[in-house]
Protein backbone atom coordinates (compact mmCIF):
# COMPACT_ATOMS: atom_id res chain seq x y z
CA UNK A 1 135.29 61.88 87.42
CA UNK A 2 135.35 59.28 90.68
CA UNK A 3 137.11 61.27 93.49
CA UNK A 4 140.22 58.99 94.61
CA UNK A 5 140.08 57.66 98.28
CA UNK A 6 143.50 57.92 99.73
CA UNK A 7 144.71 55.69 103.18
CA UNK A 8 147.22 57.10 105.38
CA UNK A 9 149.62 55.17 107.81
CA UNK A 10 150.88 55.12 110.47
CA UNK A 11 154.38 53.53 110.35
CA UNK A 12 157.07 52.64 113.38
CA UNK A 13 160.21 52.57 112.53
CA UNK A 14 162.81 49.94 114.37
CA UNK A 15 166.67 51.30 113.47
CA UNK A 16 169.69 51.42 115.42
CA UNK A 17 169.90 54.80 113.45
CA UNK A 18 167.10 56.38 113.24
CA UNK A 19 167.43 57.29 109.10
CA UNK A 20 166.40 60.85 107.59
CA UNK A 21 163.90 61.61 105.69
CA UNK A 22 165.18 60.89 101.98
CA UNK A 23 166.63 57.46 102.95
CA UNK A 24 163.50 56.64 104.37
CA UNK A 25 161.20 57.51 100.96
CA UNK A 26 164.18 55.85 99.28
CA UNK A 27 163.40 52.93 101.14
CA UNK A 28 159.79 52.43 100.80
CA UNK A 29 160.19 53.18 97.17
CA UNK A 30 162.62 50.69 96.56
CA UNK A 31 160.87 47.68 98.50
CA UNK A 32 157.50 48.56 96.03
CA UNK A 33 159.72 49.16 93.26
CA UNK A 34 160.89 45.80 93.37
CA UNK A 35 158.17 43.92 94.34
CA UNK A 36 155.99 45.35 91.96
CA UNK A 37 157.83 47.33 89.36
CA UNK A 38 158.08 50.61 88.04
CA UNK A 39 153.58 50.33 87.17
CA UNK A 40 152.76 48.69 90.34
CA UNK A 41 154.87 51.52 91.79
CA UNK A 42 152.91 54.24 90.28
CA UNK A 43 149.52 52.84 91.21
CA UNK A 44 150.27 53.26 94.94
CA UNK A 45 149.93 57.26 94.74
CA UNK A 46 152.73 56.82 97.70
CA UNK A 47 153.66 60.27 99.71
CA UNK A 48 155.52 61.32 102.59
CA UNK A 49 153.21 63.36 104.83
CA UNK A 50 154.72 63.14 108.31
CA UNK A 51 159.04 62.11 109.62
CA UNK A 52 159.21 62.14 113.37
CA UNK A 53 162.72 60.93 113.98
CA UNK A 54 162.55 61.55 117.63
CA UNK A 55 159.68 59.10 118.07
CA UNK A 56 160.75 57.25 115.46
CA UNK A 57 156.69 57.56 113.67
CA UNK A 58 156.07 58.66 110.42
CA UNK A 59 152.71 58.95 107.61
CA UNK A 60 152.90 57.90 104.50
CA UNK A 61 149.65 58.04 102.01
CA UNK A 62 148.84 55.53 99.69
CA UNK A 63 145.70 55.15 97.48
CA UNK A 64 143.00 52.31 98.97
CA UNK A 65 142.91 49.98 96.29
CA UNK A 66 146.82 49.80 96.61
CA UNK A 67 147.05 49.61 100.34
CA UNK A 68 147.87 46.21 100.23
CA UNK A 69 150.76 45.99 98.09
CA UNK A 70 152.48 49.23 99.99
CA UNK A 71 151.51 46.66 103.41
CA UNK A 72 152.95 44.22 101.61
CA UNK A 73 156.49 46.33 100.69
CA UNK A 74 156.82 47.77 103.83
CA UNK A 75 156.89 44.09 105.20
CA UNK A 76 159.88 43.92 102.82
CA UNK A 77 162.12 46.24 104.35
CA UNK A 78 164.59 44.96 106.20
CA UNK A 79 167.49 47.49 106.05
CA UNK A 80 167.16 51.67 105.11
CA UNK A 81 170.41 53.50 104.19
CA UNK A 82 172.34 50.19 104.46
CA UNK A 83 171.74 50.04 107.97
CA UNK A 84 169.44 46.84 109.80
CA UNK A 85 165.94 48.20 109.91
CA UNK A 86 162.21 47.16 110.51
CA UNK A 87 159.46 49.32 109.47
CA UNK A 88 155.80 48.17 111.69
CA UNK A 89 152.55 49.60 110.21
CA UNK A 90 150.66 50.63 113.42
CA UNK A 91 147.52 52.17 112.54
CA UNK A 92 145.28 52.40 109.03
CA UNK A 93 143.02 55.66 108.92
CA UNK A 94 140.82 57.53 106.17
CA UNK A 95 141.92 61.03 107.72
CA UNK A 96 145.64 62.64 109.32
CA UNK A 97 143.30 63.71 112.30
CA UNK A 98 142.54 60.48 113.78
CA UNK A 99 146.00 58.81 113.50
CA UNK A 100 147.40 62.09 115.23
CA UNK A 101 144.18 61.19 118.14
CA UNK A 102 145.47 57.83 118.41
């Protein structure tokens, strides 16, 4: 059995009011589902690793094969919890440790 390669994305959330973890994750899953449907969503392996509301930063894990899909879905987010927002991919890495060093 082959090992699944994963990538970690450091995201910066720009919004007037920083959403909580659940609202943010719901908007990410909604964007992926809207673009790729349920089958595409299941291929991403998305998971929220860290969420820092004070710094407006979050770390999300995805599978390497679905990295392009996740980046496209993140770029399509225009609102979170009914408020205008934008999500920017700051860095992509194979380990969480290297994201913390940045």
